[in-house]
PDB file of N, CA and C in Angstrom:
ATOM      1  N   MET A   1       3.578  24.481   5.728  1.00  0.00           N
ATOM      2  CA  MET A   1       3.002  23.743   4.614  1.00  0.00           C
ATOM      3  C   MET A   1       2.908  22.263   4.967  1.00  0.00           C
ATOM      4  N   ARG A   2       1.876  21.631   4.472  1.00  0.00           N
ATOM      5  CA  ARG A   2       1.700  20.197   4.688  1.00  0.00           C
ATOM      6  C   ARG A   2       2.390  19.429   3.571  1.00  0.00           C
ATOM      7  N   THR A   3       2.934  18.300   3.934  1.00  0.00           N
ATOM      8  CA  THR A   3       3.598  17.429   2.972  1.00  0.00           C
ATOM      9  C   THR A   3       2.846  16.113   2.925  1.00  0.00           C
ATOM     10  N   LYS A   4       2.602  15.615   1.731  1.00  0.00           N
ATOM     11  CA  LYS A   4       1.926  14.332   1.547  1.00  0.00           C
ATOM     12  C   LYS A   4       2.939  13.336   0.993  1.00  0.00           C
ATOM     13  N   PHE A   5       2.982  12.165   1.580  1.00  0.00           N
ATOM     14  CA  PHE A   5       3.868  11.112   1.119  1.00  0.00           C
ATOM     15  C   PHE A   5       3.039   9.994   0.504  1.00  0.00           C
ATOM     16  N   SER A   6       3.535   9.428  -0.569  1.00  0.00           N
ATOM     17  CA  SER A   6       2.953   8.208  -1.118  1.00  0.00           C
ATOM     18  C   SER A   6       4.101   7.294  -1.508  1.00  0.00           C
ATOM     19  N   TYR A   7       3.821   6.006  -1.560  1.00  0.00           N
ATOM     20  CA  TYR A   7       4.852   5.010  -1.797  1.00  0.00           C
ATOM     21  C   TYR A   7       4.477   4.150  -2.991  1.00  0.00           C
ATOM     22  N   SER A   8       5.492   3.671  -3.705  1.00  0.00           N
ATOM     23  CA  SER A   8       5.267   2.760  -4.816  1.00  0.00           C
ATOM     24  C   SER A   8       6.326   1.671  -4.777  1.00  0.00           C
ATOM     25  N   ILE A   9       5.997   0.519  -5.368  1.00  0.00           N
ATOM     26  CA  ILE A   9       6.918  -0.608  -5.464  1.00  0.00           C
ATOM     27  C   ILE A   9       7.305  -0.733  -6.931  1.00  0.00           C
ATOM     28  N   GLN A  10       8.614  -0.640  -7.217  1.00  0.00           N
ATOM     29  CA  GLN A  10       9.097  -0.650  -8.592  1.00  0.00           C
ATOM     30  C   GLN A  10      10.411  -1.411  -8.683  1.00  0.00           C
ATOM     31  N   ASP A  11      10.685  -1.892  -9.898  1.00  0.00           N
ATOM     32  CA  ASP A  11      12.039  -2.314 -10.239  1.00  0.00           C
ATOM     33  C   ASP A  11      12.420  -1.553 -11.506  1.00  0.00           C
ATOM     34  N   ALA A  12      13.451  -1.974 -12.190  1.00  0.00           N
ATOM     35  CA  ALA A  12      13.945  -1.214 -13.335  1.00  0.00           C
ATOM     36  C   ALA A  12      12.922  -1.070 -14.460  1.00  0.00           C
ATOM     37  N   SER A  13      12.037  -2.029 -14.632  1.00  0.00           N
ATOM     38  CA  SER A  13      11.120  -1.969 -15.769  1.00  0.00           C
ATOM     39  C   SER A  13       9.649  -2.126 -15.410  1.00  0.00           C
ATOM     40  N   ASN A  14       9.308  -2.324 -14.157  1.00  0.00           N
ATOM     41  CA  ASN A  14       7.919  -2.576 -13.766  1.00  0.00           C
ATOM     42  C   ASN A  14       7.520  -1.720 -12.579  1.00  0.00           C
ATOM     43  N   ILE A  15       6.248  -1.350 -12.540  1.00  0.00           N
ATOM     44  CA  ILE A  15       5.641  -0.744 -11.362  1.00  0.00           C
ATOM     45  C   ILE A  15       4.626  -1.755 -10.849  1.00  0.00           C
ATOM     46  N   PHE A  16       4.849  -2.263  -9.659  1.00  0.00           N
ATOM     47  CA  PHE A  16       3.997  -3.314  -9.114  1.00  0.00           C
ATOM     48  C   PHE A  16       2.837  -2.755  -8.307  1.00  0.00           C
ATOM     49  N   ALA A  17       3.068  -1.708  -7.549  1.00  0.00           N
ATOM     50  CA  ALA A  17       2.027  -1.071  -6.747  1.00  0.00           C
ATOM     51  C   ALA A  17       2.311   0.421  -6.737  1.00  0.00           C
ATOM     52  N   ASP A  18       1.246   1.207  -6.777  1.00  0.00           N
ATOM     53  CA  ASP A  18       1.407   2.654  -6.857  1.00  0.00           C
ATOM     54  C   ASP A  18       0.418   3.325  -5.908  1.00  0.00           C
ATOM     55  N   ASP A  19       0.787   4.476  -5.404  1.00  0.00           N
ATOM     56  CA  ASP A  19      -0.060   5.307  -4.552  1.00  0.00           C
ATOM     57  C   ASP A  19      -0.467   4.601  -3.266  1.00  0.00           C
ATOM     58  N   LEU A  20       0.490   3.950  -2.629  1.00  0.00           N
ATOM     59  CA  LEU A  20       0.256   3.357  -1.312  1.00  0.00           C
ATOM     60  C   LEU A  20       0.390   4.460  -0.270  1.00  0.00           C
ATOM     61  N   SER A  21      -0.502   4.496   0.687  1.00  0.00           N
ATOM     62  CA  SER A  21      -0.556   5.641   1.591  1.00  0.00           C
ATOM     63  C   SER A  21       0.359   5.527   2.808  1.00  0.00           C
ATOM     64  N   THR A  22       0.701   4.313   3.216  1.00  0.00           N
ATOM     65  CA  THR A  22       1.545   4.162   4.405  1.00  0.00           C
ATOM     66  C   THR A  22       2.768   3.321   4.082  1.00  0.00           C
ATOM     67  N   ARG A  23       3.790   3.544   4.870  1.00  0.00           N
ATOM     68  CA  ARG A  23       5.030   2.804   4.678  1.00  0.00           C
ATOM     69  C   ARG A  23       4.857   1.328   5.025  1.00  0.00           C
ATOM     70  N   SER A  24       4.033   1.044   6.008  1.00  0.00           N
ATOM     71  CA  SER A  24       3.819  -0.359   6.380  1.00  0.00           C
ATOM     72  C   SER A  24       3.087  -1.121   5.274  1.00  0.00           C
ATOM     73  N   SER A  25       2.146  -0.471   4.597  1.00  0.00           N
ATOM     74  CA  SER A  25       1.483  -1.142   3.475  1.00  0.00           C
ATOM     75  C   SER A  25       2.453  -1.339   2.312  1.00  0.00           C
ATOM     76  N   ALA A  26       3.391  -0.422   2.150  1.00  0.00           N
ATOM     77  CA  ALA A  26       4.407  -0.573   1.109  1.00  0.00           C
ATOM     78  C   ALA A  26       5.332  -1.745   1.424  1.00  0.00           C
ATOM     79  N   ARG A  27       5.700  -1.908   2.694  1.00  0.00           N
ATOM     80  CA  ARG A  27       6.550  -3.041   3.074  1.00  0.00           C
ATOM     81  C   ARG A  27       5.839  -4.366   2.869  1.00  0.00           C
ATOM     82  N   ALA A  28       4.548  -4.407   3.165  1.00  0.00           N
ATOM     83  CA  ALA A  28       3.781  -5.635   2.954  1.00  0.00           C
ATOM     84  C   ALA A  28       3.680  -5.957   1.464  1.00  0.00           C
ATOM     85  N   ALA A  29       3.447  -4.944   0.642  1.00  0.00           N
ATOM     86  CA  ALA A  29       3.375  -5.158  -0.805  1.00  0.00           C
ATOM     87  C   ALA A  29       4.730  -5.588  -1.357  1.00  0.00           C
ATOM     88  N   LEU A  30       5.810  -5.024  -0.836  1.00  0.00           N
ATOM     89  CA  LEU A  30       7.154  -5.410  -1.285  1.00  0.00           C
ATOM     90  C   LEU A  30       7.429  -6.870  -0.951  1.00  0.00           C
ATOM     91  N   ALA A  31       7.013  -7.321   0.206  1.00  0.00           N
ATOM     92  CA  ALA A  31       7.214  -8.725   0.584  1.00  0.00           C
ATOM     93  C   ALA A  31       6.489  -9.655  -0.384  1.00  0.00           C
ATOM     94  N   GLU A  32       5.263  -9.283  -0.772  1.00  0.00           N
ATOM     95  CA  GLU A  32       4.513 -10.100  -1.731  1.00  0.00           C
ATOM     96  C   GLU A  32       5.189 -10.126  -3.096  1.00  0.00           C
ATOM     97  N   VAL A  33       5.694  -8.981  -3.536  1.00  0.00           N
ATOM     98  CA  VAL A  33       6.362  -8.894  -4.839  1.00  0.00           C
ATOM     99  C   VAL A  33       7.634  -9.726  -4.834  1.00  0.00           C
ATOM    100  N   LYS A  34       8.393  -9.667  -3.745  1.00  0.00           N
ATOM    101  CA  LYS A  34       9.631 -10.449  -3.667  1.00  0.00           C
ATOM    102  C   LYS A  34       9.345 -11.949  -3.611  1.00  0.00           C
ATOM    103  N   GLU A  35       8.211 -12.348  -3.020  1.00  0.00           N
ATOM    104  CA  GLU A  35       7.827 -13.758  -3.024  1.00  0.00           C
ATOM    105  C   GLU A  35       7.529 -14.249  -4.432  1.00  0.00           C
ATOM    106  N   GLN A  36       7.088 -13.354  -5.309  1.00  0.00           N
ATOM    107  CA  GLN A  36       6.790 -13.707  -6.695  1.00  0.00           C
ATOM    108  C   GLN A  36       8.053 -13.795  -7.548  1.00  0.00           C
ATOM    109  N   GLY A  37       9.218 -13.477  -6.968  1.00  0.00           N
ATOM    110  CA  GLY A  37      10.479 -13.652  -7.680  1.00  0.00           C
ATOM    111  C   GLY A  37      11.127 -12.372  -8.178  1.00  0.00           C
ATOM    112  N   PHE A  38      10.545 -11.232  -7.915  1.00  0.00           N
ATOM    113  CA  PHE A  38      11.127  -9.959  -8.346  1.00  0.00           C
ATOM    114  C   PHE A  38      12.007  -9.419  -7.221  1.00  0.00           C
ATOM    115  N   THR A  39      13.218  -9.937  -7.122  1.00  0.00           N
ATOM    116  CA  THR A  39      14.089  -9.629  -5.994  1.00  0.00           C
ATOM    117  C   THR A  39      14.726  -8.249  -6.074  1.00  0.00           C
ATOM    118  N   THR A  40      14.677  -7.600  -7.232  1.00  0.00           N
ATOM    119  CA  THR A  40      15.285  -6.272  -7.354  1.00  0.00           C
ATOM    120  C   THR A  40      14.285  -5.146  -7.099  1.00  0.00           C
ATOM    121  N   ALA A  41      13.056  -5.463  -6.733  1.00  0.00           N
ATOM    122  CA  ALA A  41      12.035  -4.439  -6.476  1.00  0.00           C
ATOM    123  C   ALA A  41      12.397  -3.645  -5.227  1.00  0.00           C
ATOM    124  N   LYS A  42      12.069  -2.367  -5.260  1.00  0.00           N
ATOM    125  CA  LYS A  42      12.369  -1.455  -4.151  1.00  0.00           C
ATOM    126  C   LYS A  42      11.150  -0.598  -3.846  1.00  0.00           C
ATOM    127  N   ILE A  43      11.158   0.004  -2.669  1.00  0.00           N
ATOM    128  CA  ILE A  43      10.114   0.954  -2.278  1.00  0.00           C
ATOM    129  C   ILE A  43      10.611   2.356  -2.619  1.00  0.00           C
ATOM    130  N   TYR A  44       9.765   3.111  -3.317  1.00  0.00           N
ATOM    131  CA  TYR A  44      10.079   4.498  -3.644  1.00  0.00           C
ATOM    132  C   TYR A  44       9.070   5.406  -2.961  1.00  0.00           C
ATOM    133  N   GLN A  45       9.562   6.497  -2.421  1.00  0.00           N
ATOM    134  CA  GLN A  45       8.709   7.449  -1.715  1.00  0.00           C
ATOM    135  C   GLN A  45       8.566   8.717  -2.554  1.00  0.00           C
ATOM    136  N   GLU A  46       7.335   9.177  -2.713  1.00  0.00           N
ATOM    137  CA  GLU A  46       7.073  10.443  -3.392  1.00  0.00           C
ATOM    138  C   GLU A  46       6.610  11.444  -2.346  1.00  0.00           C
ATOM    139  N   GLU A  47       7.147  12.642  -2.426  1.00  0.00           N
ATOM    140  CA  GLU A  47       6.812  13.688  -1.477  1.00  0.00           C
ATOM    141  C   GLU A  47       6.155  14.830  -2.243  1.00  0.00           C
ATOM    142  N   MET A  48       4.957  15.205  -1.807  1.00  0.00           N
ATOM    143  CA  MET A  48       4.229  16.281  -2.485  1.00  0.00           C
ATOM    144  C   MET A  48       3.866  17.352  -1.476  1.00  0.00           C
ATOM    145  N   MET A  49       4.004  18.602  -1.867  1.00  0.00           N
ATOM    146  CA  MET A  49       3.642  19.731  -1.013  1.00  0.00           C
ATOM    147  C   MET A  49       2.269  20.243  -1.429  1.00  0.00           C
ATOM    148  N   VAL A  50       1.444  20.500  -0.448  1.00  0.00           N
ATOM    149  CA  VAL A  50       0.140  21.101  -0.722  1.00  0.00           C
ATOM    150  C   VAL A  50       0.369  22.603  -0.862  1.00  0.00           C
ATOM    151  N   ILE A  51       0.096  23.122  -2.045  1.00  0.00           N
ATOM    152  CA  ILE A  51       0.339  24.538  -2.296  1.00  0.00           C
ATOM    153  C   ILE A  51      -0.816  25.386  -1.784  1.00  0.00           C
ATOM    154  N   ARG A  52      -2.012  24.928  -2.022  1.00  0.00           N
ATOM    155  CA  ARG A  52      -3.166  25.696  -1.586  1.00  0.00           C
ATOM    156  C   ARG A  52      -4.264  24.755  -1.136  1.00  0.00           C
ATOM    157  N   SER A  53      -4.868  25.085  -0.042  1.00  0.00           N
ATOM    158  CA  SER A  53      -6.009  24.333   0.459  1.00  0.00           C
ATOM    159  C   SER A  53      -7.042  25.358   0.893  1.00  0.00           C
ATOM    160  N   ARG A  54      -8.239  25.257   0.342  1.00  0.00           N
ATOM    161  CA  ARG A  54      -9.253  26.242   0.688  1.00  0.00           C
ATOM    162  C   ARG A  54     -10.633  25.603   0.654  1.00  0.00           C
ATOM    163  N   GLN A  55     -11.528  26.197   1.368  1.00  0.00           N
ATOM    164  CA  GLN A  55     -12.909  25.736   1.369  1.00  0.00           C
ATOM    165  C   GLN A  55     -13.598  26.306   0.151  1.00  0.00           C
ATOM    166  N   VAL A  56     -14.275  25.451  -0.598  1.00  0.00           N
ATOM    167  CA  VAL A  56     -14.915  25.911  -1.833  1.00  0.00           C
ATOM    168  C   VAL A  56     -16.441  25.954  -1.731  1.00  0.00           C
ATOM    169  N   ARG A  57     -16.962  25.431  -0.667  1.00  0.00           N
ATOM    170  CA  ARG A  57     -18.405  25.498  -0.524  1.00  0.00           C
ATOM    171  C   ARG A  57     -18.817  25.472   0.926  1.00  0.00           C
TER     172      ARG A  57
END
């Protein structure tokens, strides 16, 4: 089975960036968020499994 990863930047009450496709883009977004003063922001990883993939046409 294939696994899809996506990343988001969040703190306790805010979501700053969502559905980032690579870890390096998440790190760059986290650096920008921390420069804005949100020092408690973290990178969260979501893991999704592809259950079915088929050709439809």
